[in-house]
Amino acid sequence: MKLLFDENLSPRLVLAIADLFPGSRHVEDCGLLSEPDQQVWRYALENGFAIVAKDSDFAGMSRLLGSPPKVIWLRVGNCTTSRAEFLISNLRSRVQDFLTRGAEHCLVLKHPR
């Protein structure tokens, strides 16, 4: 499954996780920078992406609209790109299970305390 990173995440994440989630992109690469969330949602739906974001907007949309697209909500606050990459990489099997199985619409990932 391909991931579409929202503008609140660094475009560098695409390269950082390319071996785990090939074909992933950043909204900037898709001409969607500063576009409304509804347009990003539609793009992800039409092009087979799951959306990865740090804010709750897409999580809320997934509660209302269901999936596809599925949403991965990184509840990490202000963190470095390397911390976000670490989280996605270390929870890779959980992310892959979420994307390929089950009826869940939104997966919340956060750093363990």
PDB file of N, CA and C in Angstrom:
ATOM      1  N   MET A   1       0.839  -1.176   0.000  1.00  0.00           N
ATOM      2  CA  MET A   1       0.000   0.000   0.000  1.00  0.00           C
ATOM      3  C   MET A   1       0.881   1.235   0.000  1.00  0.00           C
ATOM      4  N   LYS A   2       0.460   2.213  -0.758  1.00  0.00           N
ATOM      5  CA  LYS A   2       1.199   3.478  -0.857  1.00  0.00           C
ATOM      6  C   LYS A   2       0.681   4.453   0.190  1.00  0.00           C
ATOM      7  N   LEU A   3       1.589   5.247   0.707  1.00  0.00           N
ATOM      8  CA  LEU A   3       1.240   6.274   1.685  1.00  0.00           C
ATOM      9  C   LEU A   3       1.323   7.646   1.034  1.00  0.00           C
ATOM     10  N   LEU A   4       0.387   8.509   1.393  1.00  0.00           N
ATOM     11  CA  LEU A   4       0.394   9.906   0.945  1.00  0.00           C
ATOM     12  C   LEU A   4       0.585  10.765   2.188  1.00  0.00           C
ATOM     13  N   PHE A   5       1.747  11.416   2.286  1.00  0.00           N
ATOM     14  CA  PHE A   5       2.075  12.229   3.453  1.00  0.00           C
ATOM     15  C   PHE A   5       1.502  13.627   3.308  1.00  0.00           C
ATOM     16  N   ASP A   6       0.783  14.047   4.324  1.00  0.00           N
ATOM     17  CA  ASP A   6       0.174  15.377   4.353  1.00  0.00           C
ATOM     18  C   ASP A   6       1.258  16.438   4.507  1.00  0.00           C
ATOM     19  N   GLU A   7       0.890  17.669   4.253  1.00  0.00           N
ATOM     20  CA  GLU A   7       1.862  18.769   4.265  1.00  0.00           C
ATOM     21  C   GLU A   7       2.453  19.040   5.639  1.00  0.00           C
ATOM     22  N   ASN A   8       1.832  18.529   6.704  1.00  0.00           N
ATOM     23  CA  ASN A   8       2.397  18.745   8.035  1.00  0.00           C
ATOM     24  C   ASN A   8       3.527  17.770   8.355  1.00  0.00           C
ATOM     25  N   LEU A   9       3.889  16.943   7.376  1.00  0.00           N
ATOM     26  CA  LEU A   9       5.027  16.030   7.501  1.00  0.00           C
ATOM     27  C   LEU A   9       6.039  16.345   6.410  1.00  0.00           C
ATOM     28  N   SER A  10       7.275  16.039   6.677  1.00  0.00           N
ATOM     29  CA  SER A  10       8.346  16.354   5.740  1.00  0.00           C
ATOM     30  C   SER A  10       8.290  15.484   4.487  1.00  0.00           C
ATOM     31  N   PRO A  11       8.546  16.086   3.322  1.00  0.00           N
ATOM     32  CA  PRO A  11       8.650  15.299   2.087  1.00  0.00           C
ATOM     33  C   PRO A  11       9.781  14.268   2.144  1.00  0.00           C
ATOM     34  N   ARG A  12      10.759  14.480   3.027  1.00  0.00           N
ATOM     35  CA  ARG A  12      11.874  13.531   3.159  1.00  0.00           C
ATOM     36  C   ARG A  12      11.429  12.157   3.646  1.00  0.00           C
ATOM     37  N   LEU A  13      10.249  12.072   4.253  1.00  0.00           N
ATOM     38  CA  LEU A  13       9.746  10.782   4.715  1.00  0.00           C
ATOM     39  C   LEU A  13       9.514   9.815   3.565  1.00  0.00           C
ATOM     40  N   VAL A  14       9.178  10.337   2.401  1.00  0.00           N
ATOM     41  CA  VAL A  14       8.927   9.471   1.237  1.00  0.00           C
ATOM     42  C   VAL A  14      10.156   8.628   0.927  1.00  0.00           C
ATOM     43  N   LEU A  15      11.312   9.260   0.860  1.00  0.00           N
ATOM     44  CA  LEU A  15      12.556   8.522   0.604  1.00  0.00           C
ATOM     45  C   LEU A  15      12.938   7.642   1.784  1.00  0.00           C
ATOM     46  N   ALA A  16      12.676   8.112   2.980  1.00  0.00           N
ATOM     47  CA  ALA A  16      13.077   7.376   4.176  1.00  0.00           C
ATOM     48  C   ALA A  16      12.345   6.039   4.311  1.00  0.00           C
ATOM     49  N   ILE A  17      11.112   5.955   3.827  1.00  0.00           N
ATOM     50  CA  ILE A  17      10.341   4.717   3.969  1.00  0.00           C
ATOM     51  C   ILE A  17      10.108   4.032   2.618  1.00  0.00           C
ATOM     52  N   ALA A  18      10.820   4.454   1.585  1.00  0.00           N
ATOM     53  CA  ALA A  18      10.597   3.934   0.229  1.00  0.00           C
ATOM     54  C   ALA A  18      10.746   2.418   0.145  1.00  0.00           C
ATOM     55  N   ASP A  19      11.661   1.853   0.912  1.00  0.00           N
ATOM     56  CA  ASP A  19      11.841   0.400   0.867  1.00  0.00           C
ATOM     57  C   ASP A  19      10.700  -0.339   1.561  1.00  0.00           C
ATOM     58  N   LEU A  20      10.013   0.311   2.504  1.00  0.00           N
ATOM     59  CA  LEU A  20       8.912  -0.314   3.238  1.00  0.00           C
ATOM     60  C   LEU A  20       7.562  -0.104   2.550  1.00  0.00           C
ATOM     61  N   PHE A  21       7.369   1.067   1.981  1.00  0.00           N
ATOM     62  CA  PHE A  21       6.105   1.423   1.337  1.00  0.00           C
ATOM     63  C   PHE A  21       6.393   2.063  -0.027  1.00  0.00           C
ATOM     64  N   PRO A  22       6.774   1.234  -1.011  1.00  0.00           N
ATOM     65  CA  PRO A  22       7.115   1.771  -2.336  1.00  0.00           C
ATOM     66  C   PRO A  22       5.921   2.467  -2.979  1.00  0.00           C
ATOM     67  N   GLY A  23       6.233   3.511  -3.736  1.00  0.00           N
ATOM     68  CA  GLY A  23       5.188   4.262  -4.433  1.00  0.00           C
ATOM     69  C   GLY A  23       4.565   5.359  -3.593  1.00  0.00           C
ATOM     70  N   SER A  24       5.039   5.524  -2.369  1.00  0.00           N
ATOM     71  CA  SER A  24       4.507   6.569  -1.494  1.00  0.00           C
ATOM     72  C   SER A  24       4.909   7.936  -2.029  1.00  0.00           C
ATOM     73  N   ARG A  25       4.111   8.943  -1.660  1.00  0.00           N
ATOM     74  CA  ARG A  25       4.373  10.307  -2.136  1.00  0.00           C
ATOM     75  C   ARG A  25       4.007  11.313  -1.062  1.00  0.00           C
ATOM     76  N   HIS A  26       4.427  12.526  -1.283  1.00  0.00           N
ATOM     77  CA  HIS A  26       4.073  13.658  -0.425  1.00  0.00           C
ATOM     78  C   HIS A  26       3.103  14.529  -1.203  1.00  0.00           C
ATOM     79  N   VAL A  27       2.201  15.220  -0.508  1.00  0.00           N
ATOM     80  CA  VAL A  27       1.224  16.059  -1.217  1.00  0.00           C
ATOM     81  C   VAL A  27       1.893  17.083  -2.125  1.00  0.00           C
ATOM     82  N   GLU A  28       3.078  17.521  -1.750  1.00  0.00           N
ATOM     83  CA  GLU A  28       3.810  18.485  -2.579  1.00  0.00           C
ATOM     84  C   GLU A  28       4.141  17.884  -3.951  1.00  0.00           C
ATOM     85  N   ASP A  29       4.483  16.592  -3.973  1.00  0.00           N
ATOM     86  CA  ASP A  29       4.807  15.908  -5.227  1.00  0.00           C
ATOM     87  C   ASP A  29       3.586  15.741  -6.128  1.00  0.00           C
ATOM     88  N   CYS A  30       2.408  15.845  -5.540  1.00  0.00           N
ATOM     89  CA  CYS A  30       1.159  15.612  -6.267  1.00  0.00           C
ATOM     90  C   CYS A  30       0.447  16.911  -6.636  1.00  0.00           C
ATOM     91  N   GLY A  31       1.090  18.046  -6.370  1.00  0.00           N
ATOM     92  CA  GLY A  31       0.460  19.331  -6.659  1.00  0.00           C
ATOM     93  C   GLY A  31      -0.666  19.666  -5.703  1.00  0.00           C
ATOM     94  N   LEU A  32      -0.613  19.116  -4.498  1.00  0.00           N
ATOM     95  CA  LEU A  32      -1.702  19.305  -3.531  1.00  0.00           C
ATOM     96  C   LEU A  32      -1.310  20.146  -2.320  1.00  0.00           C
ATOM     97  N   LEU A  33      -0.127  20.751  -2.368  1.00  0.00           N
ATOM     98  CA  LEU A  33       0.312  21.577  -1.247  1.00  0.00           C
ATOM     99  C   LEU A  33      -0.664  22.734  -1.055  1.00  0.00           C
ATOM    100  N   SER A  34      -1.136  22.936   0.156  1.00  0.00           N
ATOM    101  CA  SER A  34      -2.078  23.994   0.533  1.00  0.00           C
ATOM    102  C   SER A  34      -3.473  23.806  -0.048  1.00  0.00           C
ATOM    103  N   GLU A  35      -3.749  22.636  -0.597  1.00  0.00           N
ATOM    104  CA  GLU A  35      -5.103  22.368  -1.100  1.00  0.00           C
ATOM    105  C   GLU A  35      -5.987  21.924   0.067  1.00  0.00           C
ATOM    106  N   PRO A  36      -7.302  22.083  -0.065  1.00  0.00           N
ATOM    107  CA  PRO A  36      -8.209  21.653   1.013  1.00  0.00           C
ATOM    108  C   PRO A  36      -8.098  20.151   1.273  1.00  0.00           C
ATOM    109  N   ASP A  37      -8.368  19.773   2.516  1.00  0.00           N
ATOM    110  CA  ASP A  37      -8.294  18.367   2.896  1.00  0.00           C
ATOM    111  C   ASP A  37      -9.185  17.492   2.019  1.00  0.00           C
ATOM    112  N   GLN A  38     -10.335  18.010   1.608  1.00  0.00           N
ATOM    113  CA  GLN A  38     -11.242  17.230   0.770  1.00  0.00           C
ATOM    114  C   GLN A  38     -10.594  16.858  -0.560  1.00  0.00           C
ATOM    115  N   GLN A  39      -9.784  17.738  -1.095  1.00  0.00           N
ATOM    116  CA  GLN A  39      -9.104  17.451  -2.357  1.00  0.00           C
ATOM    117  C   GLN A  39      -8.002  16.400  -2.159  1.00  0.00           C
ATOM    118  N   VAL A  40      -7.285  16.478  -1.052  1.00  0.00           N
ATOM    119  CA  VAL A  40      -6.262  15.483  -0.728  1.00  0.00           C
ATOM    120  C   VAL A  40      -6.938  14.125  -0.534  1.00  0.00           C
ATOM    121  N   TRP A  41      -8.058  14.107   0.168  1.00  0.00           N
ATOM    122  CA  TRP A  41      -8.827  12.881   0.402  1.00  0.00           C
ATOM    123  C   TRP A  41      -9.239  12.252  -0.937  1.00  0.00           C
ATOM    124  N   ARG A  42      -9.783  13.064  -1.813  1.00  0.00           N
ATOM    125  CA  ARG A  42     -10.235  12.577  -3.127  1.00  0.00           C
ATOM    126  C   ARG A  42      -9.063  12.013  -3.933  1.00  0.00           C
ATOM    127  N   TYR A  43      -7.929  12.708  -3.910  1.00  0.00           N
ATOM    128  CA  TYR A  43      -6.742  12.232  -4.626  1.00  0.00           C
ATOM    129  C   TYR A  43      -6.306  10.862  -4.083  1.00  0.00           C
ATOM    130  N   ALA A  44      -6.259  10.743  -2.752  1.00  0.00           N
ATOM    131  CA  ALA A  44      -5.861   9.467  -2.139  1.00  0.00           C
ATOM    132  C   ALA A  44      -6.842   8.358  -2.527  1.00  0.00           C
ATOM    133  N   LEU A  45      -8.109   8.651  -2.494  1.00  0.00           N
ATOM    134  CA  LEU A  45      -9.137   7.677  -2.854  1.00  0.00           C
ATOM    135  C   LEU A  45      -8.989   7.219  -4.304  1.00  0.00           C
ATOM    136  N   GLU A  46      -8.820   8.158  -5.204  1.00  0.00           N
ATOM    137  CA  GLU A  46      -8.756   7.853  -6.634  1.00  0.00           C
ATOM    138  C   GLU A  46      -7.445   7.189  -7.051  1.00  0.00           C
ATOM    139  N   ASN A  47      -6.404   7.337  -6.227  1.00  0.00           N
ATOM    140  CA  ASN A  47      -5.086   6.830  -6.619  1.00  0.00           C
ATOM    141  C   ASN A  47      -4.527   5.741  -5.697  1.00  0.00           C
ATOM    142  N   GLY A  48      -5.352   5.209  -4.813  1.00  0.00           N
ATOM    143  CA  GLY A  48      -4.952   4.073  -3.996  1.00  0.00           C
ATOM    144  C   GLY A  48      -3.950   4.348  -2.900  1.00  0.00           C
ATOM    145  N   PHE A  49      -4.038   5.519  -2.294  1.00  0.00           N
ATOM    146  CA  PHE A  49      -3.142   5.881  -1.198  1.00  0.00           C
ATOM    147  C   PHE A  49      -3.866   5.792   0.143  1.00  0.00           C
ATOM    148  N   ALA A  50      -3.095   5.559   1.203  1.00  0.00           N
ATOM    149  CA  ALA A  50      -3.536   5.801   2.572  1.00  0.00           C
ATOM    150  C   ALA A  50      -2.921   7.139   2.971  1.00  0.00           C
ATOM    151  N   ILE A  51      -3.650   7.930   3.715  1.00  0.00           N
ATOM    152  CA  ILE A  51      -3.182   9.261   4.109  1.00  0.00           C
ATOM    153  C   ILE A  51      -2.478   9.182   5.463  1.00  0.00           C
ATOM    154  N   VAL A  52      -1.311   9.825   5.556  1.00  0.00           N
ATOM    155  CA  VAL A  52      -0.571   9.919   6.816  1.00  0.00           C
ATOM    156  C   VAL A  52      -0.517  11.394   7.197  1.00  0.00           C
ATOM    157  N   ALA A  53      -0.983  11.715   8.408  1.00  0.00           N
ATOM    158  CA  ALA A  53      -1.019  13.114   8.845  1.00  0.00           C
ATOM    159  C   ALA A  53      -0.737  13.202  10.340  1.00  0.00           C
ATOM    160  N   LYS A  54      -0.345  14.407  10.779  1.00  0.00           N
ATOM    161  CA  LYS A  54      -0.092  14.653  12.196  1.00  0.00           C
ATOM    162  C   LYS A  54      -1.254  15.351  12.889  1.00  0.00           C
ATOM    163  N   ASP A  55      -2.174  15.919  12.131  1.00  0.00           N
ATOM    164  CA  ASP A  55      -3.309  16.573  12.785  1.00  0.00           C
ATOM    165  C   ASP A  55      -4.537  15.667  12.702  1.00  0.00           C
ATOM    166  N   SER A  56      -5.583  16.044  13.391  1.00  0.00           N
ATOM    167  CA  SER A  56      -6.758  15.188  13.520  1.00  0.00           C
ATOM    168  C   SER A  56      -7.767  15.338  12.383  1.00  0.00           C
ATOM    169  N   ASP A  57      -7.531  16.233  11.434  1.00  0.00           N
ATOM    170  CA  ASP A  57      -8.522  16.492  10.387  1.00  0.00           C
ATOM    171  C   ASP A  57      -8.900  15.245   9.601  1.00  0.00           C
ATOM    172  N   PHE A  58      -7.910  14.504   9.135  1.00  0.00           N
ATOM    173  CA  PHE A  58      -8.198  13.318   8.329  1.00  0.00           C
ATOM    174  C   PHE A  58      -8.782  12.195   9.183  1.00  0.00           C
ATOM    175  N   ALA A  59      -8.391  12.118  10.448  1.00  0.00           N
ATOM    176  CA  ALA A  59      -8.987  11.133  11.351  1.00  0.00           C
ATOM    177  C   ALA A  59     -10.481  11.403  11.491  1.00  0.00           C
ATOM    178  N   GLY A  60     -10.838  12.676  11.615  1.00  0.00           N
ATOM    179  CA  GLY A  60     -12.254  13.054  11.690  1.00  0.00           C
ATOM    180  C   GLY A  60     -12.999  12.722  10.413  1.00  0.00           C
ATOM    181  N   MET A  61     -12.362  12.960   9.283  1.00  0.00           N
ATOM    182  CA  MET A  61     -12.995  12.634   7.999  1.00  0.00           C
ATOM    183  C   MET A  61     -13.220  11.129   7.880  1.00  0.00           C
ATOM    184  N   SER A  62     -12.275  10.343   8.384  1.00  0.00           N
ATOM    185  CA  SER A  62     -12.420   8.884   8.292  1.00  0.00           C
ATOM    186  C   SER A  62     -13.581   8.390   9.152  1.00  0.00           C
ATOM    187  N   ARG A  63     -13.832   9.053  10.288  1.00  0.00           N
ATOM    188  CA  ARG A  63     -14.984   8.682  11.123  1.00  0.00           C
ATOM    189  C   ARG A  63     -16.287   8.968  10.396  1.00  0.00           C
ATOM    190  N   LEU A  64     -16.320  10.068   9.651  1.00  0.00           N
ATOM    191  CA  LEU A  64     -17.541  10.448   8.923  1.00  0.00           C
ATOM    192  C   LEU A  64     -17.732   9.682   7.621  1.00  0.00           C
ATOM    193  N   LEU A  65     -16.649   9.485   6.881  1.00  0.00           N
ATOM    194  CA  LEU A  65     -16.752   8.949   5.521  1.00  0.00           C
ATOM    195  C   LEU A  65     -16.345   7.487   5.394  1.00  0.00           C
ATOM    196  N   GLY A  66     -15.700   6.954   6.425  1.00  0.00           N
ATOM    197  CA  GLY A  66     -15.206   5.583   6.329  1.00  0.00           C
ATOM    198  C   GLY A  66     -13.971   5.518   5.447  1.00  0.00           C
ATOM    199  N   SER A  67     -13.741   4.351   4.879  1.00  0.00           N
ATOM    200  CA  SER A  67     -12.588   4.200   4.003  1.00  0.00           C
ATOM    201  C   SER A  67     -12.982   3.354   2.808  1.00  0.00           C
ATOM    202  N   PRO A  68     -12.277   3.417   1.714  1.00  0.00           N
ATOM    203  CA  PRO A  68     -11.007   4.094   1.530  1.00  0.00           C
ATOM    204  C   PRO A  68     -11.192   5.604   1.389  1.00  0.00           C
ATOM    205  N   PRO A  69     -10.094   6.330   1.531  1.00  0.00           N
ATOM    206  CA  PRO A  69      -8.755   5.892   1.917  1.00  0.00           C
ATOM    207  C   PRO A  69      -8.671   5.681   3.426  1.00  0.00           C
ATOM    208  N   LYS A  70      -7.745   4.852   3.814  1.00  0.00           N
ATOM    209  CA  LYS A  70      -7.468   4.675   5.225  1.00  0.00           C
ATOM    210  C   LYS A  70      -6.562   5.815   5.677  1.00  0.00           C
ATOM    211  N   VAL A  71      -6.584   6.076   6.985  1.00  0.00           N
ATOM    212  CA  VAL A  71      -5.825   7.201   7.546  1.00  0.00           C
ATOM    213  C   VAL A  71      -4.914   6.694   8.657  1.00  0.00           C
ATOM    214  N   ILE A  72      -3.675   7.161   8.624  1.00  0.00           N
ATOM    215  CA  ILE A  72      -2.726   6.905   9.710  1.00  0.00           C
ATOM    216  C   ILE A  72      -2.446   8.249  10.372  1.00  0.00           C
ATOM    217  N   TRP A  73      -2.848   8.342  11.616  1.00  0.00           N
ATOM    218  CA  TRP A  73      -2.713   9.591  12.365  1.00  0.00           C
ATOM    219  C   TRP A  73      -1.510   9.456  13.289  1.00  0.00           C
ATOM    220  N   LEU A  74      -0.473  10.225  13.009  1.00  0.00           N
ATOM    221  CA  LEU A  74       0.720  10.243  13.844  1.00  0.00           C
ATOM    222  C   LEU A  74       0.514  11.255  14.965  1.00  0.00           C
ATOM    223  N   ARG A  75       0.261  10.768  16.144  1.00  0.00           N
ATOM    224  CA  ARG A  75       0.053  11.647  17.304  1.00  0.00           C
ATOM    225  C   ARG A  75       1.379  11.814  18.018  1.00  0.00           C
ATOM    226  N   VAL A  76       2.225  12.628  17.398  1.00  0.00           N
ATOM    227  CA  VAL A  76       3.593  12.783  17.891  1.00  0.00           C
ATOM    228  C   VAL A  76       3.940  14.224  18.238  1.00  0.00           C
ATOM    229  N   GLY A  77       3.010  15.136  18.067  1.00  0.00           N
ATOM    230  CA  GLY A  77       3.314  16.532  18.347  1.00  0.00           C
ATOM    231  C   GLY A  77       4.417  17.038  17.444  1.00  0.00           C
ATOM    232  N   ASN A  78       5.180  17.972  17.937  1.00  0.00           N
ATOM    233  CA  ASN A  78       6.323  18.470  17.178  1.00  0.00           C
ATOM    234  C   ASN A  78       7.459  17.481  17.326  1.00  0.00           C
ATOM    235  N   CYS A  79       7.760  16.796  16.246  1.00  0.00           N
ATOM    236  CA  CYS A  79       8.866  15.835  16.308  1.00  0.00           C
ATOM    237  C   CYS A  79       9.678  15.950  15.030  1.00  0.00           C
ATOM    238  N   THR A  80      10.865  15.403  15.092  1.00  0.00           N
ATOM    239  CA  THR A  80      11.742  15.446  13.928  1.00  0.00           C
ATOM    240  C   THR A  80      11.270  14.436  12.886  1.00  0.00           C
ATOM    241  N   THR A  81      11.751  14.633  11.672  1.00  0.00           N
ATOM    242  CA  THR A  81      11.458  13.690  10.595  1.00  0.00           C
ATOM    243  C   THR A  81      11.991  12.309  10.945  1.00  0.00           C
ATOM    244  N   SER A  82      13.153  12.262  11.555  1.00  0.00           N
ATOM    245  CA  SER A  82      13.730  10.963  11.909  1.00  0.00           C
ATOM    246  C   SER A  82      12.888  10.243  12.961  1.00  0.00           C
ATOM    247  N   ARG A  83      12.255  10.976  13.869  1.00  0.00           N
ATOM    248  CA  ARG A  83      11.363  10.351  14.868  1.00  0.00           C
ATOM    249  C   ARG A  83      10.120   9.793  14.190  1.00  0.00           C
ATOM    250  N   ALA A  84       9.556  10.533  13.241  1.00  0.00           N
ATOM    251  CA  ALA A  84       8.385  10.047  12.506  1.00  0.00           C
ATOM    252  C   ALA A  84       8.748   8.798  11.702  1.00  0.00           C
ATOM    253  N   GLU A  85       9.895   8.833  11.055  1.00  0.00           N
ATOM    254  CA  GLU A  85      10.375   7.670  10.305  1.00  0.00           C
ATOM    255  C   GLU A  85      10.568   6.476  11.236  1.00  0.00           C
ATOM    256  N   PHE A  86      11.169   6.696  12.383  1.00  0.00           N
ATOM    257  CA  PHE A  86      11.401   5.644  13.365  1.00  0.00           C
ATOM    258  C   PHE A  86      10.083   4.999  13.780  1.00  0.00           C
ATOM    259  N   LEU A  87       9.087   5.813  14.029  1.00  0.00           N
ATOM    260  CA  LEU A  87       7.783   5.309  14.457  1.00  0.00           C
ATOM    261  C   LEU A  87       7.143   4.448  13.362  1.00  0.00           C
ATOM    262  N   ILE A  88       7.132   4.951  12.140  1.00  0.00           N
ATOM    263  CA  ILE A  88       6.534   4.210  11.027  1.00  0.00           C
ATOM    264  C   ILE A  88       7.309   2.916  10.766  1.00  0.00           C
ATOM    265  N   SER A  89       8.615   2.998  10.791  1.00  0.00           N
ATOM    266  CA  SER A  89       9.449   1.820  10.541  1.00  0.00           C
ATOM    267  C   SER A  89       9.288   0.760  11.618  1.00  0.00           C
ATOM    268  N   ASN A  90       9.325   1.175  12.871  1.00  0.00           N
ATOM    269  CA  ASN A  90       9.232   0.215  13.971  1.00  0.00           C
ATOM    270  C   ASN A  90       7.852  -0.412  14.094  1.00  0.00           C
ATOM    271  N   LEU A  91       6.840   0.281  13.646  1.00  0.00           N
ATOM    272  CA  LEU A  91       5.474  -0.254  13.706  1.00  0.00           C
ATOM    273  C   LEU A  91       5.003  -0.703  12.326  1.00  0.00           C
ATOM    274  N   ARG A  92       5.955  -0.991  11.458  1.00  0.00           N
ATOM    275  CA  ARG A  92       5.674  -1.374  10.076  1.00  0.00           C
ATOM    276  C   ARG A  92       4.655  -2.508   9.966  1.00  0.00           C
ATOM    277  N   SER A  93       4.823  -3.574  10.735  1.00  0.00           N
ATOM    278  CA  SER A  93       3.906  -4.714  10.621  1.00  0.00           C
ATOM    279  C   SER A  93       2.494  -4.322  11.057  1.00  0.00           C
ATOM    280  N   ARG A  94       2.394  -3.488  12.069  1.00  0.00           N
ATOM    281  CA  ARG A  94       1.078  -2.997  12.507  1.00  0.00           C
ATOM    282  C   ARG A  94       0.433  -2.147  11.420  1.00  0.00           C
ATOM    283  N   VAL A  95       1.227  -1.289  10.786  1.00  0.00           N
ATOM    284  CA  VAL A  95       0.724  -0.441   9.697  1.00  0.00           C
ATOM    285  C   VAL A  95       0.286  -1.310   8.527  1.00  0.00           C
ATOM    286  N   GLN A  96       1.106  -2.272   8.146  1.00  0.00           N
ATOM    287  CA  GLN A  96       0.764  -3.135   7.013  1.00  0.00           C
ATOM    288  C   GLN A  96      -0.494  -3.949   7.290  1.00  0.00           C
ATOM    289  N   ASP A  97      -0.643  -4.462   8.511  1.00  0.00           N
ATOM    290  CA  ASP A  97      -1.865  -5.180   8.876  1.00  0.00           C
ATOM    291  C   ASP A  97      -3.085  -4.273   8.775  1.00  0.00           C
ATOM    292  N   PHE A  98      -2.957  -3.064   9.284  1.00  0.00           N
ATOM    293  CA  PHE A  98      -4.057  -2.093   9.221  1.00  0.00           C
ATOM    294  C   PHE A  98      -4.452  -1.811   7.775  1.00  0.00           C
ATOM    295  N   LEU A  99      -3.465  -1.652   6.912  1.00  0.00           N
ATOM    296  CA  LEU A  99      -3.750  -1.291   5.527  1.00  0.00           C
ATOM    297  C   LEU A  99      -4.355  -2.438   4.723  1.00  0.00           C
ATOM    298  N   THR A 100      -4.065  -3.652   5.087  1.00  0.00           N
ATOM    299  CA  THR A 100      -4.515  -4.782   4.280  1.00  0.00           C
ATOM    300  C   THR A 100      -5.653  -5.587   4.895  1.00  0.00           C
ATOM    301  N   ARG A 101      -5.927  -5.391   6.161  1.00  0.00           N
ATOM    302  CA  ARG A 101      -6.969  -6.185   6.826  1.00  0.00           C
ATOM    303  C   ARG A 101      -7.872  -5.313   7.667  1.00  0.00           C
ATOM    304  N   GLY A 102      -8.980  -5.892   8.031  1.00  0.00           N
ATOM    305  CA  GLY A 102      -9.861  -5.264   9.001  1.00  0.00           C
ATOM    306  C   GLY A 102     -10.690  -4.117   8.470  1.00  0.00           C
ATOM    307  N   ALA A 103     -11.613  -3.719   9.302  1.00  0.00           N
ATOM    308  CA  ALA A 103     -12.565  -2.687   8.930  1.00  0.00           C
ATOM    309  C   ALA A 103     -12.221  -1.326   9.523  1.00  0.00           C
ATOM    310  N   GLU A 104     -11.100  -1.244  10.234  1.00  0.00           N
ATOM    311  CA  GLU A 104     -10.716   0.040  10.822  1.00  0.00           C
ATOM    312  C   GLU A 104     -10.462   1.072   9.726  1.00  0.00           C
ATOM    313  N   HIS A 105     -10.828   2.312  10.018  1.00  0.00           N
ATOM    314  CA  HIS A 105     -10.630   3.408   9.065  1.00  0.00           C
ATOM    315  C   HIS A 105      -9.404   4.247   9.404  1.00  0.00           C
ATOM    316  N   CYS A 106      -9.062   4.294  10.704  1.00  0.00           N
ATOM    317  CA  CYS A 106      -7.978   5.164  11.153  1.00  0.00           C
ATOM    318  C   CYS A 106      -7.103   4.430  12.156  1.00  0.00           C
ATOM    319  N   LEU A 107      -5.813   4.488  11.932  1.00  0.00           N
ATOM    320  CA  LEU A 107      -4.835   3.914  12.850  1.00  0.00           C
ATOM    321  C   LEU A 107      -4.091   5.059  13.527  1.00  0.00           C
ATOM    322  N   VAL A 108      -4.096   5.073  14.843  1.00  0.00           N
ATOM    323  CA  VAL A 108      -3.392   6.099  15.608  1.00  0.00           C
ATOM    324  C   VAL A 108      -2.055   5.534  16.062  1.00  0.00           C
ATOM    325  N   LEU A 109      -0.983   6.218  15.670  1.00  0.00           N
ATOM    326  CA  LEU A 109       0.360   5.822  16.111  1.00  0.00           C
ATOM    327  C   LEU A 109       0.923   6.922  16.990  1.00  0.00           C
ATOM    328  N   LYS A 110       1.472   6.521  18.128  1.00  0.00           N
ATOM    329  CA  LYS A 110       2.114   7.504  19.010  1.00  0.00           C
ATOM    330  C   LYS A 110       3.296   6.858  19.679  1.00  0.00           C
ATOM    331  N   HIS A 111       4.219   7.691  20.123  1.00  0.00           N
ATOM    332  CA  HIS A 111       5.404   7.198  20.816  1.00  0.00           C
ATOM    333  C   HIS A 111       4.988   6.627  22.150  1.00  0.00           C
ATOM    334  N   PRO A 112       5.544   5.465  22.499  1.00  0.00           N
ATOM    335  CA  PRO A 112       5.258   4.911  23.831  1.00  0.00           C
ATOM    336  C   PRO A 112       5.842   5.820  24.911  1.00  0.00           C
ATOM    337  N   ARG A 113       5.190   5.856  26.009  1.00  0.00           N
ATOM    338  CA  ARG A 113       5.655   6.714  27.123  1.00  0.00           C
ATOM    339  C   ARG A 113       6.553   5.944  28.039  1.00  0.00           C
TER     340      ARG A 113
END
